[in-house]
Amino acid sequence: MASNKFLTVTLSVKQTMGRYRPPAPPKSPYITRQGYESLKTEQQGLWLRRRDVTKALAAAAAEGDRSENAEYIYRKKELREIDRRIRYLQKRLPSLKVVNQPPANSEQVFFAAWVQLESENGEEQEYRIVGPDEIDRHPSYISLDSPLAQALLKRILDDQVVVETPAGVTKYWITDVRYETPD
C-alpha cells in the first residue's frame, strides 16, 4: 500500500507542474502594403546577414576548441535566431492578405484606419489599426487583434466606445476617422 500513496503523490505533482501551454490564437492575416513590403525587405536583409554570420561562424570554428570559444557560441546563437525569423517569415508572408483599398464608407472604422479618440478626461490619442505583424513599426499602431481595435471596428464618427483594460473600464469618443490613400 505504501507504493500506492507514493504513486498518487507523484501524479498530483506532475499534474500541477506540467509545461503544457495551449497554442496561441491565430493572428489576423491582414497587413497594409507598407507593412508587407517592410517584411519582405526584412527577409531579404536576413538572408544577407545570414551569409555574413555563417562566414564568421566558420572562422570561429576553425580556431579550435569550440566548447570554450565565445565567438563560436555567440555566432551559433545568432545564426539560430536569424534562421528562426526567416522560417517565421517564410510561413507568414504567403498567408498574409494585403489590404490596398480604403473601404467604401470612409467614416466607419475598418482595417488601416487612423482613429482619433477622446477619453473621458479630455485627452486625445490617435491610433492606426494595422495587422499584428506591423505594430512595432510606429508607436501609434495597434493590432487588429487588440481589445481596443476590436471595440473600434465598424464604429462611426462620434460613437462612444467602452474598452475594458487592466486598469479598468475606459470610455472613448471617436472624433475623427481617416484613411491614407495608396501610393
C-alpha atoms as a PDB file:
ATOM      1  CA  MET A   1       0.000   0.000   0.000  1.00  0.00           C
ATOM      2  CA  ALA A   2       2.857   2.361   0.635  1.00  0.00           C
ATOM      3  CA  SER A   3       3.779   2.288  -3.024  1.00  0.00           C
ATOM      4  CA  ASN A   4       0.213   3.349  -3.973  1.00  0.00           C
ATOM      5  CA  LYS A   5       0.484   6.501  -1.861  1.00  0.00           C
ATOM      6  CA  PHE A   6       3.787   7.346  -3.468  1.00  0.00           C
ATOM      7  CA  LEU A   7       2.341   6.874  -6.929  1.00  0.00           C
ATOM      8  CA  THR A   8      -0.634   9.108  -6.119  1.00  0.00           C
ATOM      9  CA  VAL A   9       1.619  11.868  -4.809  1.00  0.00           C
ATOM     10  CA  THR A  10       3.836  11.663  -7.884  1.00  0.00           C
ATOM     11  CA  LEU A  11       0.865  12.000 -10.240  1.00  0.00           C
ATOM     12  CA  SER A  12      -0.548  15.017  -8.457  1.00  0.00           C
ATOM     13  CA  VAL A  13       2.823  16.792  -8.571  1.00  0.00           C
ATOM     14  CA  LYS A  14       3.136  16.150 -12.300  1.00  0.00           C
ATOM     15  CA  GLN A  15      -0.351  17.475 -12.908  1.00  0.00           C
ATOM     16  CA  THR A  16       0.382  20.791 -11.204  1.00  0.00           C
ATOM     17  CA  MET A  17       3.847  21.227 -12.674  1.00  0.00           C
ATOM     18  CA  GLY A  18       3.086  20.472 -16.312  1.00  0.00           C
ATOM     19  CA  ARG A  19       4.719  22.530 -19.046  1.00  0.00           C
ATOM     20  CA  TYR A  20       1.845  22.311 -21.492  1.00  0.00           C
ATOM     21  CA  ARG A  21       0.652  25.658 -22.745  1.00  0.00           C
ATOM     22  CA  PRO A  22      -2.283  25.881 -25.120  1.00  0.00           C
ATOM     23  CA  PRO A  23      -1.350  27.264 -28.534  1.00  0.00           C
ATOM     24  CA  ALA A  24      -1.778  30.981 -29.064  1.00  0.00           C
ATOM     25  CA  PRO A  25      -4.836  32.014 -31.054  1.00  0.00           C
ATOM     26  CA  PRO A  26      -4.046  32.579 -34.732  1.00  0.00           C
ATOM     27  CA  LYS A  27      -3.108  36.107 -35.737  1.00  0.00           C
ATOM     28  CA  SER A  28      -5.186  38.071 -38.215  1.00  0.00           C
ATOM     29  CA  PRO A  29      -3.849  37.636 -41.759  1.00  0.00           C
ATOM     30  CA  TYR A  30      -4.333  41.273 -42.800  1.00  0.00           C
ATOM     31  CA  ILE A  31      -1.480  43.686 -43.470  1.00  0.00           C
ATOM     32  CA  THR A  32      -1.007  47.063 -45.161  1.00  0.00           C
ATOM     33  CA  ARG A  33       1.043  47.370 -48.340  1.00  0.00           C
ATOM     34  CA  GLN A  34       3.797  49.240 -46.424  1.00  0.00           C
ATOM     35  CA  GLY A  35       3.911  46.542 -43.742  1.00  0.00           C
ATOM     36  CA  TYR A  36       4.135  43.765 -46.316  1.00  0.00           C
ATOM     37  CA  GLU A  37       6.967  45.486 -48.173  1.00  0.00           C
ATOM     38  CA  SER A  38       8.756  46.039 -44.868  1.00  0.00           C
ATOM     39  CA  LEU A  39       8.563  42.326 -44.009  1.00  0.00           C
ATOM     40  CA  LYS A  40       9.831  41.368 -47.493  1.00  0.00           C
ATOM     41  CA  THR A  41      12.763  43.778 -47.069  1.00  0.00           C
ATOM     42  CA  GLU A  42      13.486  42.327 -43.631  1.00  0.00           C
ATOM     43  CA  GLN A  43      13.522  38.806 -45.064  1.00  0.00           C
ATOM     44  CA  GLN A  44      15.975  39.790 -47.822  1.00  0.00           C
ATOM     45  CA  GLY A  45      18.201  41.540 -45.275  1.00  0.00           C
ATOM     46  CA  LEU A  46      18.181  38.474 -43.037  1.00  0.00           C
ATOM     47  CA  TRP A  47      19.423  36.278 -45.885  1.00  0.00           C
ATOM     48  CA  LEU A  48      22.315  38.688 -46.481  1.00  0.00           C
ATOM     49  CA  ARG A  49      23.114  38.849 -42.768  1.00  0.00           C
ATOM     50  CA  ARG A  50      22.943  35.060 -42.512  1.00  0.00           C
ATOM     51  CA  ARG A  51      25.643  34.764 -45.156  1.00  0.00           C
ATOM     52  CA  ASP A  52      27.970  37.036 -43.134  1.00  0.00           C
ATOM     53  CA  VAL A  53      27.235  35.246 -39.858  1.00  0.00           C
ATOM     54  CA  THR A  54      27.907  31.867 -41.493  1.00  0.00           C
ATOM     55  CA  LYS A  55      31.337  33.081 -42.655  1.00  0.00           C
ATOM     56  CA  ALA A  56      32.147  34.387 -39.156  1.00  0.00           C
ATOM     57  CA  LEU A  57      30.943  31.103 -37.647  1.00  0.00           C
ATOM     58  CA  ALA A  58      33.195  29.084 -39.943  1.00  0.00           C
ATOM     59  CA  ALA A  59      36.168  31.268 -38.991  1.00  0.00           C
ATOM     60  CA  ALA A  60      35.398  30.857 -35.289  1.00  0.00           C
ATOM     61  CA  ALA A  61      35.039  27.076 -35.688  1.00  0.00           C
ATOM     62  CA  ALA A  62      38.454  26.910 -37.355  1.00  0.00           C
ATOM     63  CA  GLU A  63      40.085  28.367 -34.228  1.00  0.00           C
ATOM     64  CA  GLY A  64      39.898  25.061 -32.406  1.00  0.00           C
ATOM     65  CA  ASP A  65      38.168  24.046 -29.170  1.00  0.00           C
ATOM     66  CA  ARG A  66      34.532  25.008 -29.613  1.00  0.00           C
ATOM     67  CA  SER A  67      33.419  24.382 -26.027  1.00  0.00           C
ATOM     68  CA  GLU A  68      35.342  27.418 -24.730  1.00  0.00           C
ATOM     69  CA  ASN A  69      35.186  29.520 -27.888  1.00  0.00           C
ATOM     70  CA  ALA A  70      32.933  32.502 -27.065  1.00  0.00           C
ATOM     71  CA  GLU A  71      32.897  33.735 -30.665  1.00  0.00           C
ATOM     72  CA  TYR A  72      31.715  30.340 -31.903  1.00  0.00           C
ATOM     73  CA  ILE A  73      28.991  30.088 -29.242  1.00  0.00           C
ATOM     74  CA  TYR A  74      27.782  33.645 -29.951  1.00  0.00           C
ATOM     75  CA  ARG A  75      27.674  33.092 -33.733  1.00  0.00           C
ATOM     76  CA  LYS A  76      25.759  29.812 -33.331  1.00  0.00           C
ATOM     77  CA  LYS A  77      23.165  31.597 -31.224  1.00  0.00           C
ATOM     78  CA  GLU A  78      22.963  34.483 -33.708  1.00  0.00           C
ATOM     79  CA  LEU A  79      22.545  32.061 -36.621  1.00  0.00           C
ATOM     80  CA  ARG A  80      19.799  30.196 -34.734  1.00  0.00           C
ATOM     81  CA  GLU A  81      17.872  33.462 -34.173  1.00  0.00           C
ATOM     82  CA  ILE A  82      18.244  34.502 -37.819  1.00  0.00           C
ATOM     83  CA  ASP A  83      17.048  31.083 -39.001  1.00  0.00           C
ATOM     84  CA  ARG A  84      14.074  31.217 -36.623  1.00  0.00           C
ATOM     85  CA  ARG A  85      12.970  34.593 -38.007  1.00  0.00           C
ATOM     86  CA  ILE A  86      13.492  33.501 -41.630  1.00  0.00           C
ATOM     87  CA  ARG A  87      11.362  30.373 -41.035  1.00  0.00           C
ATOM     88  CA  TYR A  88       8.626  32.507 -39.480  1.00  0.00           C
ATOM     89  CA  LEU A  89       8.624  34.949 -42.415  1.00  0.00           C
ATOM     90  CA  GLN A  90       8.636  32.114 -44.959  1.00  0.00           C
ATOM     91  CA  LYS A  91       5.497  30.685 -43.362  1.00  0.00           C
ATOM     92  CA  ARG A  92       3.778  34.001 -42.632  1.00  0.00           C
ATOM     93  CA  LEU A  93       4.285  36.027 -45.833  1.00  0.00           C
ATOM     94  CA  PRO A  94       2.346  33.698 -48.185  1.00  0.00           C
ATOM     95  CA  SER A  95      -0.617  33.616 -45.792  1.00  0.00           C
ATOM     96  CA  LEU A  96      -0.929  37.418 -45.490  1.00  0.00           C
ATOM     97  CA  LYS A  97      -3.690  39.350 -47.245  1.00  0.00           C
ATOM     98  CA  VAL A  98      -2.580  42.825 -48.323  1.00  0.00           C
ATOM     99  CA  VAL A  99      -5.283  45.473 -47.920  1.00  0.00           C
ATOM    100  CA  ASN A 100      -4.742  48.138 -50.583  1.00  0.00           C
ATOM    101  CA  GLN A 101      -8.040  49.967 -50.839  1.00  0.00           C
ATOM    102  CA  PRO A 102      -9.860  52.054 -48.251  1.00  0.00           C
ATOM    103  CA  PRO A 103     -13.435  50.950 -47.513  1.00  0.00           C
ATOM    104  CA  ALA A 104     -16.410  52.418 -49.348  1.00  0.00           C
ATOM    105  CA  ASN A 105     -17.621  54.193 -46.181  1.00  0.00           C
ATOM    106  CA  SER A 106     -14.622  56.249 -45.054  1.00  0.00           C
ATOM    107  CA  GLU A 107     -16.443  57.494 -41.933  1.00  0.00           C
ATOM    108  CA  GLN A 108     -16.606  53.990 -40.469  1.00  0.00           C
ATOM    109  CA  VAL A 109     -13.655  52.318 -38.699  1.00  0.00           C
ATOM    110  CA  PHE A 110     -12.114  49.381 -40.538  1.00  0.00           C
ATOM    111  CA  PHE A 111      -8.637  47.944 -41.025  1.00  0.00           C
ATOM    112  CA  ALA A 112      -5.892  50.556 -41.747  1.00  0.00           C
ATOM    113  CA  ALA A 113      -7.949  53.447 -40.346  1.00  0.00           C
ATOM    114  CA  TRP A 114      -6.389  56.295 -38.391  1.00  0.00           C
ATOM    115  CA  VAL A 115      -8.762  56.873 -35.476  1.00  0.00           C
ATOM    116  CA  GLN A 116      -8.702  59.962 -33.238  1.00  0.00           C
ATOM    117  CA  LEU A 117     -10.098  59.224 -29.773  1.00  0.00           C
ATOM    118  CA  GLU A 118     -11.021  61.474 -26.875  1.00  0.00           C
ATOM    119  CA  SER A 119     -11.077  59.963 -23.390  1.00  0.00           C
ATOM    120  CA  GLU A 120     -13.402  60.875 -20.519  1.00  0.00           C
ATOM    121  CA  ASN A 121     -10.868  63.325 -19.113  1.00  0.00           C
ATOM    122  CA  GLY A 122     -10.421  65.113 -22.462  1.00  0.00           C
ATOM    123  CA  GLU A 123      -7.109  63.559 -23.553  1.00  0.00           C
ATOM    124  CA  GLU A 124      -6.815  62.930 -27.272  1.00  0.00           C
ATOM    125  CA  GLN A 125      -4.999  59.966 -28.770  1.00  0.00           C
ATOM    126  CA  GLU A 126      -4.605  58.780 -32.331  1.00  0.00           C
ATOM    127  CA  TYR A 127      -4.184  55.158 -33.370  1.00  0.00           C
ATOM    128  CA  ARG A 128      -3.920  53.283 -36.633  1.00  0.00           C
ATOM    129  CA  ILE A 129      -5.395  49.789 -36.830  1.00  0.00           C
ATOM    130  CA  VAL A 130      -2.886  47.507 -38.574  1.00  0.00           C
ATOM    131  CA  GLY A 131      -2.011  43.831 -38.720  1.00  0.00           C
ATOM    132  CA  PRO A 132      -0.226  42.129 -35.816  1.00  0.00           C
ATOM    133  CA  ASP A 133       2.987  41.820 -37.857  1.00  0.00           C
ATOM    134  CA  GLU A 134       3.466  45.563 -38.209  1.00  0.00           C
ATOM    135  CA  ILE A 135       2.601  47.065 -34.816  1.00  0.00           C
ATOM    136  CA  ASP A 136       6.251  47.688 -33.968  1.00  0.00           C
ATOM    137  CA  ARG A 137       6.736  49.995 -36.969  1.00  0.00           C
ATOM    138  CA  HIS A 138       5.149  53.046 -35.313  1.00  0.00           C
ATOM    139  CA  PRO A 139       4.170  53.867 -31.703  1.00  0.00           C
ATOM    140  CA  SER A 140       0.582  54.739 -32.702  1.00  0.00           C
ATOM    141  CA  TYR A 141      -0.057  51.422 -34.464  1.00  0.00           C
ATOM    142  CA  ILE A 142      -2.328  48.948 -32.683  1.00  0.00           C
ATOM    143  CA  SER A 143      -3.048  45.389 -33.720  1.00  0.00           C
ATOM    144  CA  LEU A 144      -6.337  44.458 -35.324  1.00  0.00           C
ATOM    145  CA  ASP A 145      -6.498  41.712 -32.685  1.00  0.00           C
ATOM    146  CA  SER A 146      -6.187  44.108 -29.713  1.00  0.00           C
ATOM    147  CA  PRO A 147      -9.217  44.776 -27.472  1.00  0.00           C
ATOM    148  CA  LEU A 148      -9.231  48.485 -28.392  1.00  0.00           C
ATOM    149  CA  ALA A 149      -9.196  47.783 -32.131  1.00  0.00           C
ATOM    150  CA  GLN A 150     -11.930  45.162 -31.760  1.00  0.00           C
ATOM    151  CA  ALA A 151     -14.077  47.692 -29.885  1.00  0.00           C
ATOM    152  CA  LEU A 152     -13.485  50.330 -32.584  1.00  0.00           C
ATOM    153  CA  LEU A 153     -14.278  48.204 -35.638  1.00  0.00           C
ATOM    154  CA  LYS A 154     -17.411  49.206 -37.545  1.00  0.00           C
ATOM    155  CA  ARG A 155     -17.978  52.254 -35.345  1.00  0.00           C
ATOM    156  CA  ILE A 156     -18.553  55.688 -36.860  1.00  0.00           C
ATOM    157  CA  LEU A 157     -17.668  59.272 -36.027  1.00  0.00           C
ATOM    158  CA  ASP A 158     -18.979  60.475 -32.614  1.00  0.00           C
ATOM    159  CA  ASP A 159     -19.644  56.926 -31.359  1.00  0.00           C
ATOM    160  CA  GLN A 160     -18.791  56.101 -27.778  1.00  0.00           C
ATOM    161  CA  VAL A 161     -16.518  53.089 -27.287  1.00  0.00           C
ATOM    162  CA  VAL A 162     -16.157  51.240 -23.986  1.00  0.00           C
ATOM    163  CA  VAL A 163     -12.952  49.228 -23.550  1.00  0.00           C
ATOM    164  CA  GLU A 164     -12.048  47.020 -20.625  1.00  0.00           C
ATOM    165  CA  THR A 165      -8.352  47.438 -19.785  1.00  0.00           C
ATOM    166  CA  PRO A 166      -6.231  46.067 -16.934  1.00  0.00           C
ATOM    167  CA  ALA A 167      -6.647  49.469 -15.239  1.00  0.00           C
ATOM    168  CA  GLY A 168     -10.439  49.237 -15.515  1.00  0.00           C
ATOM    169  CA  VAL A 169     -13.166  50.253 -17.938  1.00  0.00           C
ATOM    170  CA  THR A 170     -12.303  53.211 -20.166  1.00  0.00           C
ATOM    171  CA  LYS A 171     -14.671  55.201 -22.376  1.00  0.00           C
ATOM    172  CA  TYR A 172     -13.622  56.931 -25.587  1.00  0.00           C
ATOM    173  CA  TRP A 173     -15.390  59.011 -28.205  1.00  0.00           C
ATOM    174  CA  ILE A 174     -14.372  58.798 -31.850  1.00  0.00           C
ATOM    175  CA  THR A 175     -13.568  62.318 -33.027  1.00  0.00           C
ATOM    176  CA  ASP A 176     -12.002  61.541 -36.415  1.00  0.00           C
ATOM    177  CA  VAL A 177     -11.623  58.627 -38.836  1.00  0.00           C
ATOM    178  CA  ARG A 178      -9.386  58.812 -41.880  1.00  0.00           C
ATOM    179  CA  TYR A 179      -7.582  56.534 -44.311  1.00  0.00           C
ATOM    180  CA  GLU A 180      -4.312  57.030 -46.143  1.00  0.00           C
ATOM    181  CA  THR A 181      -4.538  56.968 -49.905  1.00  0.00           C
ATOM    182  CA  PRO A 182      -2.471  54.188 -51.511  1.00  0.00           C
ATOM    183  CA  ASP A 183       0.697  55.339 -53.280  1.00  0.00           C
END
